N, C-alpha and C. Protein backbone atom coordinates (compact mmCIF):
# COMPACT_ATOMS: atom_id res chain seq x y z
N MET A 1 139.81 47.08 123.31
CA MET A 1 141.26 47.77 123.06
C MET A 1 141.59 48.82 124.02
N GLU A 2 142.87 49.14 124.66
CA GLU A 2 143.03 50.02 125.79
C GLU A 2 143.07 51.52 124.77
N ASN A 3 142.37 52.64 125.47
CA ASN A 3 142.65 53.74 124.95
C ASN A 3 144.20 54.48 125.04
N ILE A 4 144.53 55.01 123.49
CA ILE A 4 145.85 55.52 124.20
C ILE A 4 145.80 56.88 124.37
N LEU A 5 146.34 57.39 125.53
CA LEU A 5 146.05 59.12 125.63
C LEU A 5 147.15 60.09 125.40
N PRO A 6 146.75 61.25 125.02
CA PRO A 6 147.92 62.05 125.17
C PRO A 6 148.75 62.35 126.15
N ASN A 7 150.01 62.25 126.69
CA ASN A 7 150.56 62.92 127.09
C ASN A 7 150.42 64.51 127.46
N HIS A 8 150.36 64.92 126.85
CA HIS A 8 150.17 66.41 126.95
C HIS A 8 148.78 66.95 125.87
N LEU A 9 147.94 67.33 126.40
CA LEU A 9 146.52 67.74 125.98
C LEU A 9 146.28 69.47 126.39
N VAL A 10 146.13 70.20 125.09
CA VAL A 10 145.77 71.53 124.83
C VAL A 10 144.04 71.48 124.79
N ILE A 11 143.68 72.37 125.19
CA ILE A 11 142.30 73.09 125.00
C ILE A 11 142.58 74.25 124.68
N ILE A 12 141.98 74.77 123.73
CA ILE A 12 141.54 76.10 123.25
C ILE A 12 139.82 76.66 123.88
N PRO A 13 139.85 77.29 124.84
CA PRO A 13 138.31 77.18 125.19
C PRO A 13 137.68 78.13 124.16
N ASP A 14 138.00 77.65 123.06
CA ASP A 14 136.86 79.31 122.40
C ASP A 14 135.17 79.17 122.28
N GLY A 15 134.85 80.35 122.22
CA GLY A 15 133.41 80.61 122.06
C GLY A 15 132.22 80.89 123.19
N ASN A 16 133.22 81.44 124.29
CA ASN A 16 132.31 81.53 125.41
C ASN A 16 131.78 83.27 125.26
N ARG A 17 132.30 84.30 124.48
CA ARG A 17 131.73 85.36 124.51
C ARG A 17 130.06 85.25 122.95
N ARG A 18 130.57 84.33 122.20
CA ARG A 18 129.48 83.56 121.53
C ARG A 18 128.06 82.96 122.10
N TRP A 19 128.80 82.12 122.63
CA TRP A 19 127.96 81.20 123.68
C TRP A 19 126.95 82.53 124.70
N ALA A 20 127.62 83.41 124.94
CA ALA A 20 126.72 84.47 125.79
C ALA A 20 126.06 85.08 124.84
N LYS A 21 126.51 85.46 123.59
CA LYS A 21 125.13 86.33 122.95
C LYS A 21 124.22 85.49 122.35
N GLN A 22 124.53 84.37 122.43
CA GLN A 22 123.41 83.05 122.06
C GLN A 22 122.48 83.22 122.95
N HIS A 23 122.48 83.17 124.31
CA HIS A 23 121.41 83.07 125.19
C HIS A 23 121.22 84.53 125.77
N GLY A 24 121.98 85.78 125.01
CA GLY A 24 121.08 87.14 125.71
C GLY A 24 122.00 87.46 126.67
N LEU A 25 123.33 87.29 126.82
CA LEU A 25 123.78 87.45 127.98
C LEU A 25 125.20 88.39 127.83
N ASP A 26 125.42 89.33 128.58
CA ASP A 26 126.71 89.53 128.41
C ASP A 26 128.15 89.22 128.23
N PRO A 27 128.79 89.39 127.65
CA PRO A 27 129.99 88.46 127.13
C PRO A 27 130.79 87.84 128.52
N TRP A 28 131.10 88.70 129.37
CA TRP A 28 131.82 88.23 130.40
C TRP A 28 130.97 86.68 131.16
N LEU A 29 129.67 87.12 131.43
CA LEU A 29 129.08 85.83 131.59
C LEU A 29 129.65 84.42 130.98
N GLY A 30 129.45 84.72 129.56
CA GLY A 30 130.33 83.65 128.88
C GLY A 30 131.64 82.88 129.53
N HIS A 31 132.24 83.99 129.65
CA HIS A 31 133.70 83.45 130.38
C HIS A 31 133.23 82.92 131.78
N GLU A 32 132.71 83.25 132.46
CA GLU A 32 132.39 83.05 133.78
C GLU A 32 132.00 81.55 133.69
N GLU A 33 131.05 81.10 132.51
CA GLU A 33 130.61 79.67 132.28
C GLU A 33 131.14 78.75 132.00
N GLY A 34 132.39 79.58 131.12
CA GLY A 34 133.79 78.75 130.93
C GLY A 34 134.43 78.28 131.59
N ALA A 35 134.73 79.21 132.94
CA ALA A 35 135.34 78.70 133.90
C ALA A 35 135.10 77.62 135.14
N LYS A 36 133.62 77.58 134.70
CA LYS A 36 133.11 76.35 135.65
C LYS A 36 133.47 75.36 135.06
N ASN A 37 133.27 75.50 133.82
CA ASN A 37 133.71 74.51 132.84
C ASN A 37 134.68 73.65 132.75
N ILE A 38 135.94 74.51 132.95
CA ILE A 38 137.02 74.14 133.27
C ILE A 38 137.37 73.42 134.58
N GLU A 39 136.89 73.55 135.38
CA GLU A 39 136.98 72.62 136.44
C GLU A 39 136.87 71.31 136.42
N ASN A 40 135.49 71.34 135.30
CA ASN A 40 135.07 69.86 135.68
C ASN A 40 135.88 68.91 134.46
N LEU A 41 136.28 69.40 133.62
CA LEU A 41 137.19 69.37 132.47
C LEU A 41 138.34 68.38 133.18
N VAL A 42 139.21 69.52 133.56
CA VAL A 42 140.46 69.14 134.55
C VAL A 42 140.77 68.02 135.52
N ARG A 43 139.70 67.78 136.32
CA ARG A 43 139.08 66.57 136.94
C ARG A 43 138.85 65.35 136.28
N LYS A 44 138.34 65.74 135.32
CA LYS A 44 138.37 64.20 134.30
C LYS A 44 139.65 64.17 133.91
N ALA A 45 139.95 65.05 133.22
CA ALA A 45 141.19 64.96 132.33
C ALA A 45 142.32 63.78 133.26
N PHE A 46 142.32 64.51 134.69
CA PHE A 46 143.15 63.93 135.52
C PHE A 46 142.57 62.74 135.91
N ASP A 47 141.72 62.58 136.52
CA ASP A 47 140.87 60.95 136.69
C ASP A 47 141.29 59.72 135.79
N LEU A 48 141.33 60.68 134.24
CA LEU A 48 141.72 59.57 132.99
C LEU A 48 143.09 59.24 133.09
N GLY A 49 144.03 60.14 133.82
CA GLY A 49 145.25 59.66 133.44
C GLY A 49 146.16 60.61 132.60
N ILE A 50 145.40 61.52 132.15
CA ILE A 50 146.57 62.70 131.53
C ILE A 50 147.50 63.22 132.52
N ARG A 51 148.22 63.62 132.04
CA ARG A 51 149.59 63.40 132.66
C ARG A 51 149.86 65.27 132.30
N ASN A 52 149.54 65.87 131.46
CA ASN A 52 150.05 67.33 131.28
C ASN A 52 148.90 67.25 130.59
N LEU A 53 148.17 69.10 131.02
CA LEU A 53 146.69 69.65 130.92
C LEU A 53 147.07 71.03 130.30
N SER A 54 147.03 71.73 129.42
CA SER A 54 147.29 73.31 129.28
C SER A 54 145.80 74.10 128.55
N PHE A 55 145.58 74.78 128.86
CA PHE A 55 144.19 75.88 128.88
C PHE A 55 145.12 76.91 128.71
N TRP A 56 144.36 77.73 126.94
CA TRP A 56 144.88 78.91 126.80
C TRP A 56 143.81 79.73 127.45
N GLY A 57 144.41 80.61 128.37
CA GLY A 57 143.04 81.73 128.59
C GLY A 57 142.92 82.74 128.22
N SER A 58 143.89 83.37 127.93
CA SER A 58 143.70 84.93 126.63
C SER A 58 145.17 85.16 126.07
N SER A 59 145.11 85.64 125.10
CA SER A 59 146.13 86.33 124.24
C SER A 59 146.59 87.69 124.80
N ILE A 60 147.13 88.02 124.15
CA ILE A 60 147.59 89.09 124.15
C ILE A 60 146.62 90.50 124.19
N ASP A 61 146.38 90.21 122.78
CA ASP A 61 144.87 91.03 121.85
C ASP A 61 143.87 90.87 123.16
N ASN A 62 143.27 89.91 123.58
CA ASN A 62 142.19 89.59 124.57
C ASN A 62 142.17 90.87 125.67
N LEU A 63 143.48 90.87 126.57
CA LEU A 63 143.57 91.79 127.33
C LEU A 63 143.63 93.41 126.77
N THR A 64 144.30 93.67 125.87
CA THR A 64 144.45 95.14 125.29
C THR A 64 143.64 95.89 123.99
N LYS A 65 142.77 94.91 123.52
CA LYS A 65 141.68 94.86 122.70
C LYS A 65 140.28 95.04 122.79
N ARG A 66 140.16 94.38 124.24
CA ARG A 66 138.36 93.76 124.26
C ARG A 66 138.44 95.26 124.72
N PRO A 67 136.95 95.40 124.74
CA PRO A 67 136.23 96.91 125.85
C PRO A 67 136.60 96.87 127.42
N LEU A 68 136.62 97.61 128.05
CA LEU A 68 137.62 97.70 129.07
C LEU A 68 136.52 96.88 130.52
N GLU A 69 135.50 97.04 130.27
CA GLU A 69 134.40 96.53 131.06
C GLU A 69 134.68 94.92 130.92
N GLU A 70 134.63 94.40 129.77
CA GLU A 70 134.81 92.97 129.49
C GLU A 70 136.23 92.62 130.07
N LYS A 71 137.51 93.54 129.91
CA LYS A 71 138.55 92.98 130.70
C LYS A 71 138.16 92.79 132.18
N ARG A 72 137.68 93.76 132.55
CA ARG A 72 137.48 94.14 134.11
C ARG A 72 137.09 92.88 134.58
N GLU A 73 135.73 92.88 133.73
CA GLU A 73 134.91 91.45 134.34
C GLU A 73 135.93 90.19 134.02
N LEU A 74 136.88 89.87 132.94
CA LEU A 74 137.08 88.58 132.83
C LEU A 74 138.64 88.92 133.98
N LEU A 75 139.18 90.02 134.40
CA LEU A 75 140.16 89.32 135.60
C LEU A 75 139.75 89.35 136.76
N ARG A 76 138.23 89.74 137.42
CA ARG A 76 137.51 89.38 138.45
C ARG A 76 137.30 87.82 138.26
N ILE A 77 136.80 87.23 137.00
CA ILE A 77 136.80 85.71 137.16
C ILE A 77 137.91 85.17 137.02
N TYR A 78 139.25 85.16 136.73
CA TYR A 78 140.33 84.92 136.74
C TYR A 78 140.81 84.86 138.27
N GLU A 79 140.28 86.27 139.00
CA GLU A 79 140.78 85.96 140.57
C GLU A 79 140.32 84.84 141.10
N GLN A 80 138.48 85.14 141.03
CA GLN A 80 138.05 84.23 141.39
C GLN A 80 138.40 82.63 141.51
N TYR A 81 138.66 82.18 139.91
CA TYR A 81 138.48 81.04 139.83
C TYR A 81 140.14 80.57 140.13
N PHE A 82 140.95 81.10 140.21
CA PHE A 82 142.22 80.86 140.37
C PHE A 82 142.37 80.50 142.24
N GLN A 83 141.85 81.43 142.62
CA GLN A 83 141.56 81.22 144.20
C GLN A 83 140.98 79.73 144.42
N ARG A 84 139.60 79.56 143.84
CA ARG A 84 138.78 78.48 144.07
C ARG A 84 140.32 77.29 143.79
N LEU A 85 140.32 77.26 142.72
CA LEU A 85 142.00 76.22 142.52
C LEU A 85 142.52 76.30 143.48
N LEU A 86 143.29 77.27 144.17
CA LEU A 86 144.36 76.81 145.32
C LEU A 86 143.39 76.30 146.62
N GLU A 87 142.09 76.25 146.52
CA GLU A 87 141.52 75.75 147.80
C GLU A 87 141.08 74.22 147.43
N SER A 88 141.65 73.85 146.07
CA SER A 88 140.92 72.66 145.74
C SER A 88 141.61 71.49 145.92
N LYS A 89 141.31 70.35 146.46
CA LYS A 89 141.57 69.37 146.80
C LYS A 89 142.32 68.54 145.65
N ASP A 90 141.69 68.47 144.55
CA ASP A 90 142.04 67.78 143.78
C ASP A 90 143.74 67.96 143.09
N ILE A 91 143.56 69.40 142.99
CA ILE A 91 145.26 70.01 142.86
C ILE A 91 146.43 69.30 143.50
N PHE A 92 145.91 68.99 144.96
CA PHE A 92 146.86 68.75 145.71
C PHE A 92 146.93 66.83 145.65
N GLU A 93 145.75 66.12 145.82
CA GLU A 93 145.73 64.32 145.33
C GLU A 93 146.32 64.58 144.55
N LYS A 94 146.01 64.86 143.36
CA LYS A 94 146.44 64.64 142.14
C LYS A 94 148.01 65.15 141.92
N GLN A 95 148.49 65.76 142.75
CA GLN A 95 150.11 66.52 142.95
C GLN A 95 150.11 67.06 141.49
N ALA A 96 149.29 68.00 141.56
CA ALA A 96 149.59 68.77 139.74
C ALA A 96 150.35 69.88 140.31
N ARG A 97 151.59 70.20 139.54
CA ARG A 97 152.27 71.26 139.25
C ARG A 97 151.61 72.44 138.59
N ILE A 98 151.30 73.87 138.88
CA ILE A 98 150.33 74.88 138.17
C ILE A 98 151.61 75.71 137.75
N ASN A 99 150.75 75.62 136.26
CA ASN A 99 152.52 76.60 135.57
C ASN A 99 151.45 77.85 135.17
N VAL A 100 151.98 78.62 134.68
CA VAL A 100 151.43 80.45 134.13
C VAL A 100 151.87 80.60 133.01
N ILE A 101 152.03 80.60 131.70
CA ILE A 101 152.63 80.95 131.17
C ILE A 101 152.13 82.12 129.96
N GLY A 102 153.11 83.26 129.84
CA GLY A 102 152.65 84.26 128.81
C GLY A 102 153.00 85.84 129.85
N ARG A 103 152.80 86.93 129.28
CA ARG A 103 153.11 87.85 129.90
C ARG A 103 152.22 88.50 131.24
N TRP A 104 151.68 87.79 131.78
CA TRP A 104 150.35 88.22 132.56
C TRP A 104 151.37 89.18 133.78
N ARG A 105 152.53 88.86 134.46
CA ARG A 105 153.01 89.70 135.14
C ARG A 105 153.12 91.15 134.58
N GLU A 106 153.03 91.27 133.48
CA GLU A 106 153.19 92.75 132.56
C GLU A 106 151.65 92.90 132.77
N GLN A 107 150.77 92.19 132.80
CA GLN A 107 149.28 92.52 132.10
C GLN A 107 148.38 92.80 133.37
N PHE A 108 148.46 91.95 134.54
CA PHE A 108 147.43 91.68 135.45
C PHE A 108 147.93 92.67 136.77
N PRO A 109 146.88 93.10 137.54
CA PRO A 109 146.85 93.50 138.69
C PRO A 109 147.58 92.82 139.67
N GLN A 110 147.99 93.47 140.77
CA GLN A 110 149.14 92.91 141.52
C GLN A 110 148.12 91.81 142.58
N LYS A 111 146.79 92.16 142.62
CA LYS A 111 146.33 90.76 143.20
C LYS A 111 146.04 89.69 142.60
N LEU A 112 145.46 89.66 141.23
CA LEU A 112 145.91 88.58 140.79
C LEU A 112 147.09 88.08 140.73
N LYS A 113 148.21 88.72 140.51
CA LYS A 113 149.33 88.23 140.21
C LYS A 113 150.05 87.22 141.41
N SER A 114 149.64 88.18 142.46
CA SER A 114 149.83 87.41 143.83
C SER A 114 149.08 85.85 144.14
N ILE A 115 148.05 85.96 143.74
CA ILE A 115 147.34 84.57 143.96
C ILE A 115 147.99 83.83 143.16
N LEU A 116 148.38 83.67 141.26
CA LEU A 116 148.91 83.03 140.73
C LEU A 116 150.03 82.86 141.22
N GLU A 117 151.06 83.58 141.84
CA GLU A 117 152.42 83.22 141.88
C GLU A 117 151.98 82.21 143.21
N ASP A 118 151.39 82.38 143.83
CA ASP A 118 150.59 81.52 145.00
C ASP A 118 150.94 80.12 145.06
N GLY A 119 150.15 80.16 143.65
CA GLY A 119 149.60 78.85 143.20
C GLY A 119 150.84 78.06 142.67
N ILE A 120 151.46 78.67 142.00
CA ILE A 120 152.92 78.52 141.20
C ILE A 120 153.38 78.04 142.71
N GLU A 121 153.57 78.49 143.65
CA GLU A 121 154.59 78.21 144.85
C GLU A 121 154.24 77.31 145.34
N LYS A 122 152.76 76.99 145.94
CA LYS A 122 152.52 75.98 146.61
C LYS A 122 152.46 74.46 145.91
N THR A 123 152.48 74.70 144.45
CA THR A 123 152.48 73.21 144.01
C THR A 123 154.07 73.22 143.15
N LYS A 124 154.72 73.70 143.65
CA LYS A 124 156.58 73.34 142.73
C LYS A 124 156.58 72.20 142.85
N SER A 125 156.35 71.93 143.88
CA SER A 125 157.34 70.39 143.98
C SER A 125 156.14 68.95 143.88
N HIS A 126 155.56 69.33 143.43
CA HIS A 126 154.39 68.16 142.47
C HIS A 126 154.78 67.88 141.68
N VAL A 127 154.50 66.61 141.17
CA VAL A 127 155.68 65.61 140.16
C VAL A 127 154.64 65.09 139.46
N LYS A 128 153.59 64.32 140.10
CA LYS A 128 152.94 63.59 138.99
C LYS A 128 152.22 63.98 137.82
N CYS A 129 152.00 65.54 137.83
CA CYS A 129 151.44 65.72 136.22
C CYS A 129 151.14 67.31 136.69
N THR A 130 151.17 68.14 135.19
CA THR A 130 151.25 69.61 135.10
C THR A 130 149.70 70.07 134.83
N LEU A 131 149.63 71.22 135.39
CA LEU A 131 147.93 71.95 134.97
C LEU A 131 148.51 73.18 134.43
N ASN A 132 148.54 73.44 132.90
CA ASN A 132 149.30 74.75 132.58
C ASN A 132 147.98 76.19 131.74
N PHE A 133 148.24 77.17 132.43
CA PHE A 133 147.50 78.08 132.10
C PHE A 133 148.46 78.90 130.98
N PHE A 134 147.63 78.98 130.00
CA PHE A 134 148.30 80.39 129.18
C PHE A 134 147.64 81.65 129.38
N LEU A 135 148.11 82.65 129.82
CA LEU A 135 147.53 83.80 130.11
C LEU A 135 148.43 85.52 129.61
N ALA A 136 147.50 86.27 129.02
CA ALA A 136 148.47 87.23 128.06
C ALA A 136 149.39 86.53 126.93
N TYR A 137 149.06 85.41 126.43
CA TYR A 137 150.10 84.42 125.77
C TYR A 137 149.87 84.79 123.91
N ASN A 138 150.81 85.20 123.33
CA ASN A 138 150.32 84.78 122.05
C ASN A 138 152.19 84.20 121.30
N GLY A 139 151.91 82.95 120.45
CA GLY A 139 152.93 82.19 120.32
C GLY A 139 153.73 82.89 119.62
N ASP A 140 153.30 83.99 118.68
CA ASP A 140 153.96 84.41 118.02
C ASP A 140 155.25 85.17 118.36
N ASP A 141 154.40 86.27 119.36
CA ASP A 141 154.87 86.70 120.35
C ASP A 141 156.57 86.00 121.39
N GLU A 142 155.89 84.92 121.66
CA GLU A 142 156.85 83.97 122.32
C GLU A 142 158.41 83.54 121.14
N MET A 143 157.59 83.03 119.69
CA MET A 143 158.94 83.12 119.43
C MET A 143 159.94 84.30 118.70
N VAL A 144 159.54 84.95 119.03
CA VAL A 144 160.11 86.47 118.57
C VAL A 144 161.16 86.50 119.80
N GLU A 145 160.30 86.43 120.89
CA GLU A 145 161.42 86.51 122.36
C GLU A 145 162.23 85.22 122.59
N THR A 146 162.44 84.50 121.94
CA THR A 146 162.49 83.44 122.24
C THR A 146 164.19 83.71 121.01
N ILE A 147 163.63 84.14 119.60
CA ILE A 147 164.93 84.19 119.06
C ILE A 147 165.94 85.67 119.41
N LYS A 148 165.18 86.63 120.04
CA LYS A 148 166.34 87.62 120.69
C LYS A 148 166.86 86.75 121.80
N LYS A 149 166.42 86.16 122.44
CA LYS A 149 166.84 85.44 123.64
C LYS A 149 168.41 84.48 123.06
N ILE A 150 168.18 84.24 121.99
CA ILE A 150 169.44 83.16 121.32
C ILE A 150 170.64 83.83 121.30
N VAL A 151 169.87 84.88 120.02
CA VAL A 151 170.82 86.24 119.63
C VAL A 151 171.33 86.89 120.74
N GLY A 152 170.87 87.25 121.50
CA GLY A 152 171.66 87.94 122.59
C GLY A 152 172.36 87.13 123.76
N SER A 153 172.28 85.72 123.61
CA SER A 153 173.21 85.20 124.24
C SER A 153 174.72 84.83 123.46
N GLY A 154 174.69 85.42 122.17
CA GLY A 154 175.93 85.35 121.57
C GLY A 154 176.49 84.48 120.74
N VAL A 155 175.93 82.80 120.89
CA VAL A 155 175.53 81.42 120.46
C VAL A 155 176.08 81.74 118.89
N SER A 156 176.64 80.73 118.47
CA SER A 156 177.26 81.05 116.86
C SER A 156 176.00 80.38 116.16
N PRO A 157 175.79 80.75 115.05
CA PRO A 157 174.64 80.35 114.34
C PRO A 157 174.81 78.63 114.58
N GLU A 158 176.05 78.25 113.77
CA GLU A 158 176.33 76.77 113.41
C GLU A 158 175.74 76.08 114.98
N LYS A 159 175.64 76.32 116.17
CA LYS A 159 175.20 75.69 117.19
C LYS A 159 173.78 75.96 117.52
N ILE A 160 172.92 76.83 116.47
CA ILE A 160 171.51 76.55 116.73
C ILE A 160 170.64 75.51 116.58
N ASP A 161 170.08 74.64 117.07
CA ASP A 161 169.48 73.67 116.75
C ASP A 161 168.13 73.81 117.55
N GLY A 162 166.94 72.85 117.08
CA GLY A 162 166.48 72.57 118.02
C GLY A 162 166.06 72.52 119.40
N ASP A 163 166.66 72.19 119.98
CA ASP A 163 167.17 71.89 121.37
C ASP A 163 167.71 72.75 122.03
N LEU A 164 167.98 74.10 121.24
CA LEU A 164 168.43 75.26 121.70
C LEU A 164 166.83 76.26 121.94
N VAL A 165 166.65 75.86 120.48
CA VAL A 165 165.26 76.27 120.65
C VAL A 165 164.03 76.72 121.54
N LYS A 166 163.79 74.91 122.01
CA LYS A 166 163.33 74.83 122.95
C LYS A 166 163.53 74.77 124.49
N GLN A 167 164.80 75.13 124.67
CA GLN A 167 165.44 75.51 125.73
C GLN A 167 165.41 77.18 126.15
N ASN A 168 164.67 77.96 124.81
CA ASN A 168 164.57 79.12 125.45
C ASN A 168 163.26 79.43 125.10
N LEU A 169 162.31 79.00 124.95
CA LEU A 169 160.69 79.08 124.98
C LEU A 169 159.94 79.37 125.98
N MET A 170 158.68 79.89 126.22
CA MET A 170 158.37 80.05 127.79
C MET A 170 157.81 78.31 128.24
N THR A 171 157.45 77.67 127.07
CA THR A 171 157.26 76.54 127.50
C THR A 171 158.69 75.15 127.46
N ALA A 172 159.68 75.95 128.21
CA ALA A 172 161.03 75.07 127.77
C ALA A 172 160.67 73.82 128.94
N GLU A 173 159.79 74.07 129.62
CA GLU A 173 159.59 72.69 131.25
C GLU A 173 158.60 71.65 130.45
N LEU A 174 157.61 71.97 129.39
CA LEU A 174 156.65 71.31 129.29
C LEU A 174 156.68 70.52 128.14
N PRO A 175 156.34 69.29 128.07
CA PRO A 175 157.07 68.08 126.63
C PRO A 175 155.77 68.75 125.68
N ALA A 176 156.19 68.49 124.39
CA ALA A 176 155.48 68.75 122.66
C ALA A 176 153.82 68.18 123.39
N VAL A 177 153.21 68.67 122.68
CA VAL A 177 151.88 68.76 122.25
C VAL A 177 151.31 67.39 121.83
N ASP A 178 150.65 66.71 121.92
CA ASP A 178 150.50 65.16 121.37
C ASP A 178 148.72 66.17 120.91
N PHE A 179 147.96 66.34 121.44
CA PHE A 179 146.77 66.22 121.01
C PHE A 179 146.08 68.08 121.40
N LEU A 180 145.38 68.63 120.74
CA LEU A 180 144.90 69.91 120.82
C LEU A 180 143.46 69.89 120.33
N ILE A 181 142.66 70.41 121.06
CA ILE A 181 141.22 70.10 121.20
C ILE A 181 140.94 71.97 120.91
N ARG A 182 140.14 72.61 120.18
CA ARG A 182 139.44 73.91 119.83
C ARG A 182 138.28 73.93 119.99
N THR A 183 137.89 74.28 120.78
CA THR A 183 136.30 74.14 120.93
C THR A 183 135.64 75.75 120.05
N GLY A 184 134.18 75.79 119.60
CA GLY A 184 133.79 77.14 119.39
C GLY A 184 133.60 76.74 117.55
N LYS A 185 133.64 76.00 117.46
CA LYS A 185 132.94 75.33 115.67
C LYS A 185 133.73 76.08 114.75
N GLU A 186 135.08 76.75 115.04
CA GLU A 186 135.74 77.38 113.89
C GLU A 186 137.46 76.20 113.80
N ALA A 187 137.11 76.15 112.63
CA ALA A 187 138.56 75.22 112.08
C ALA A 187 139.79 75.77 112.22
N HIS A 188 140.53 76.62 113.13
CA HIS A 188 141.80 77.21 112.71
C HIS A 188 142.88 77.27 113.93
N LEU A 189 143.69 77.69 113.81
CA LEU A 189 144.31 78.19 115.34
C LEU A 189 144.79 79.55 115.32
N SER A 190 144.95 80.50 116.00
CA SER A 190 145.10 81.68 116.22
C SER A 190 146.44 82.09 116.92
N ALA A 191 147.09 83.25 116.38
CA ALA A 191 148.34 84.13 116.89
C ALA A 191 149.32 83.13 117.23
N GLY A 192 149.60 81.94 116.25
CA GLY A 192 150.60 81.07 116.51
C GLY A 192 150.60 80.22 117.65
N PHE A 193 149.46 79.97 118.73
CA PHE A 193 149.62 79.23 119.52
C PHE A 193 150.53 77.84 119.95
N MET A 194 151.68 78.54 120.70
CA MET A 194 152.47 76.96 120.92
C MET A 194 153.21 76.66 119.41
N MET A 195 153.25 77.28 118.54
CA MET A 195 154.14 77.20 117.53
C MET A 195 154.92 75.91 117.17
N TRP A 196 156.04 76.25 118.05
CA TRP A 196 157.30 75.23 118.10
C TRP A 196 156.37 74.10 118.76
N ASP A 197 155.59 73.74 119.82
CA ASP A 197 155.57 72.52 120.48
C ASP A 197 154.33 71.90 119.63
N THR A 198 153.87 72.84 118.75
CA THR A 198 152.22 72.06 118.31
C THR A 198 152.72 71.30 116.87
N ALA A 199 154.19 71.56 116.56
CA ALA A 199 154.56 71.09 115.32
C ALA A 199 154.05 69.55 114.64
N ASN A 200 154.09 68.80 115.65
CA ASN A 200 153.19 67.68 115.15
C ASN A 200 152.25 66.82 115.83
N SER A 201 151.52 68.03 116.29
CA SER A 201 150.19 67.64 116.93
C SER A 201 148.93 66.92 115.89
N GLU A 202 148.34 66.23 116.96
CA GLU A 202 146.73 65.94 116.38
C GLU A 202 146.37 67.31 116.86
N LEU A 203 145.13 67.37 115.45
CA LEU A 203 144.02 68.39 116.18
C LEU A 203 142.49 68.06 116.08
N PHE A 204 141.70 68.67 117.00
CA PHE A 204 140.26 68.38 116.95
C PHE A 204 139.45 69.64 117.34
N PHE A 205 138.70 69.73 116.05
CA PHE A 205 137.82 71.20 116.28
C PHE A 205 136.39 70.84 116.57
N ALA A 206 135.74 71.28 117.99
CA ALA A 206 134.91 70.62 118.29
C ALA A 206 133.73 71.46 117.77
N ASP A 207 132.44 71.02 117.91
CA ASP A 207 131.17 71.81 117.47
C ASP A 207 130.56 72.68 118.66
N GLN A 208 131.21 72.31 119.72
CA GLN A 208 130.44 73.19 120.89
C GLN A 208 131.50 74.44 120.95
N TYR A 209 130.51 75.18 121.54
CA TYR A 209 131.04 76.59 122.12
C TYR A 209 131.39 76.18 123.49
N PHE A 210 132.35 76.69 123.89
CA PHE A 210 133.37 75.75 124.98
C PHE A 210 132.59 75.90 126.34
N PRO A 211 131.25 76.63 127.11
CA PRO A 211 131.04 76.43 127.63
C PRO A 211 129.89 75.02 127.63
N ASP A 212 129.71 74.55 126.56
CA ASP A 212 129.07 73.51 126.14
C ASP A 212 129.90 72.27 126.12
N PHE A 213 131.09 72.31 126.20
CA PHE A 213 131.89 71.29 125.97
C PHE A 213 132.31 70.34 127.09
N GLY A 214 131.34 69.72 127.27
CA GLY A 214 131.45 68.80 128.58
C GLY A 214 132.32 67.30 128.73
N ILE A 215 132.03 66.85 129.69
CA ILE A 215 133.03 65.64 129.86
C ILE A 215 132.60 64.46 128.29
N ALA A 216 131.46 64.31 128.72
CA ALA A 216 131.13 63.55 127.37
C ALA A 216 131.92 63.55 126.29
N HIS A 217 132.12 65.05 125.84
CA HIS A 217 132.59 65.42 124.55
C HIS A 217 133.88 65.56 124.72
N LEU A 218 134.90 65.87 125.81
CA LEU A 218 136.28 65.43 126.20
C LEU A 218 136.09 63.88 125.54
N GLU A 219 135.31 63.14 126.32
CA GLU A 219 135.88 61.56 126.21
C GLU A 219 135.76 61.37 124.73
N GLU A 220 134.84 61.55 123.73
CA GLU A 220 134.69 61.85 122.41
C GLU A 220 135.88 61.76 121.86
N ALA A 221 136.30 63.02 121.79
CA ALA A 221 137.61 63.43 121.36
C ALA A 221 138.79 62.68 121.55
N LEU A 222 139.31 62.46 122.74
CA LEU A 222 140.12 61.55 123.41
C LEU A 222 139.89 60.07 122.81
N ASP A 223 138.37 59.54 122.74
CA ASP A 223 138.78 58.46 121.53
C ASP A 223 138.90 58.40 120.38
N ASP A 224 138.40 59.46 119.98
CA ASP A 224 139.05 60.00 118.38
C ASP A 224 140.66 60.06 118.44
N PHE A 225 141.24 60.23 119.29
CA PHE A 225 142.72 61.05 118.95
C PHE A 225 143.41 59.35 119.21
N SER A 226 142.48 58.08 120.39
CA SER A 226 143.03 57.22 120.56
C SER A 226 143.18 56.42 118.91
N LEU A 227 142.05 56.65 118.34
CA LEU A 227 141.95 55.68 116.92
C LEU A 227 143.02 56.39 115.86
N ARG A 228 143.69 57.27 116.22
CA ARG A 228 144.82 57.87 114.99
C ARG A 228 145.84 57.04 114.74
N ARG A 229 146.77 57.28 113.92
CA ARG A 229 147.93 56.50 113.69
C ARG A 229 148.35 57.67 113.35
N ARG A 230 149.19 58.44 114.16
CA ARG A 230 150.51 59.28 114.37
C ARG A 230 151.66 59.14 113.92
N LYS A 231 151.93 60.09 112.46
CA LYS A 231 152.56 60.34 111.92
C LYS A 231 154.19 60.91 112.10
N LYS A 232 153.95 61.74 112.97
CA LYS A 232 155.02 62.93 113.42
C LYS A 232 155.92 63.61 112.59
N GLY A 233 155.12 63.78 110.97
CA GLY A 233 156.08 64.67 110.07
C GLY A 233 156.56 63.55 109.36
N ALA A 234 156.44 61.90 109.55
CA ALA A 234 157.00 61.30 108.71
C ALA A 234 156.33 60.74 107.62
């Protein structure tokens, strides 16, 4: 039987800091290992035929409440990773369009913002698949802003429906999430991540910290998804 793949796969890469602690390392070295792992998972997911792949890189709290040194190192890792991503032939061979979603323009230094803007611009005509990064993003913040936009537009309450909500989300151009994988050994969601788009998602909680969540673990999770009977609220 042929495996059924999710159209939109989200990975919440949790456990970088705990992985570093487990190995007696500084927290940012866990983030660095996680960034390396993303490259392998992106390549494999696109090779398998997944058309929409998303990673939650950081919440707003990650950037406002973590120690200054860790935040500084995290931004450095982002710079290196996204610069390397733009130089990767995979993005152009797979015709993957890069999207960056969240309040990163408010939170990030100019050099990093320029790198991200460059990636968005250089891949904007790609149509085969999307690679989405959620940076300085909270789902509850997204919903509050969506409500403000709808109210501010002056639309009458009786005209508000699900389509209108979707059109005003930060994720307006992305399809609903079919499958969400969270690594890190903890079976929960955080900060309302993509709360509208994950309403009918299948969930998978991996037993590995993200740096240890390899290609074999991704394939195992996808095999699990293919065996599920999706009810979508029915």
